Amino acid sequence: MPRKELARVLSKRGIASRTVAAQWIREGRVRVKGRVVRDPLLFVDINETDIRVDGKPTVAAARHYYMLNKPRGLVTTARDEQGRGTVYQCFDPPLPAWVFPVGRLDKASEGLLLFTNDTDWANGLTDPASHLPKCYHVQVHPRPNEKLVATLLKGIVTGENEPLRCADARILRLGEKNGWLDITLTEGKNRQIRRMLEALEFKVLRLIRIAIGPLRLGGLAKGAARELTPGEVAQLTVRR
């Protein structure tokens, strides 16, 4: 029988994050076969039927998959210690189960953000080895040129000796003082686009993620969310 850490088993059932599950276990709220377990790392059968939280049996929650058009100014977290607005306030009614964001967009960024309680599906999407393309429209100042595009494609090395490059880049449109770039990444390094452009002395005015793999933002209104169709979920399922 396959075995996993108890906190991970609870997480895979879609009822809590691994961090929250570990907290429940340490608080003595979890029983396995009638015995209180306080070690989140205890290995148990992943199909164990007699695991209870607060006396209630745990069963795999229904899987949920959502996409959100994240507005600028919200942070990608369930609760913020600084009292800032979070992406969860966009869901009305509130999410029906423990559902978490797949990856993140920083406070100043906008666009396509996925949510689920399916940890395996989420891990496949965020695994760097998947090389899943993510497409962004980025407004920059001053006006971008082909030299900038060539440098983004060739890549740069940051002051911390970290190599960064774009999988694809092109000029989308130009204004008098600024312009828009279409940029594709296949690696998920922290603030990668902003760091590259800032290193090249371009200011990012807006950054909008418009696609993840084959899934596009389309006409989804800013701040709106919808469930993914079974076909969209299947298209985004990474086989590992």
Foldseek 3Di string as FASTA:
>chain_A
DDKFFQLVLLLQLLADHSVVSLVQLLVQQKDQPRHRHNGRGDIDDSPRFRIGGNNHTRGRDDKFKKKAFADAQAFQDPDDPVPTHHLQVLDVVGDPHDKHWLDTDGRGATEIIMIISNVLLSCLLQPLVLLWKWKKKWKKWAADDVVLQVDQQVWDQDPVRRTHHFVHKDWDDTDDGIGIMITMGSHDDPPRVCRSCVVVVMHTPYMYTADTHPDGRPPADHSHMDTDDPVVSVSSRHDD
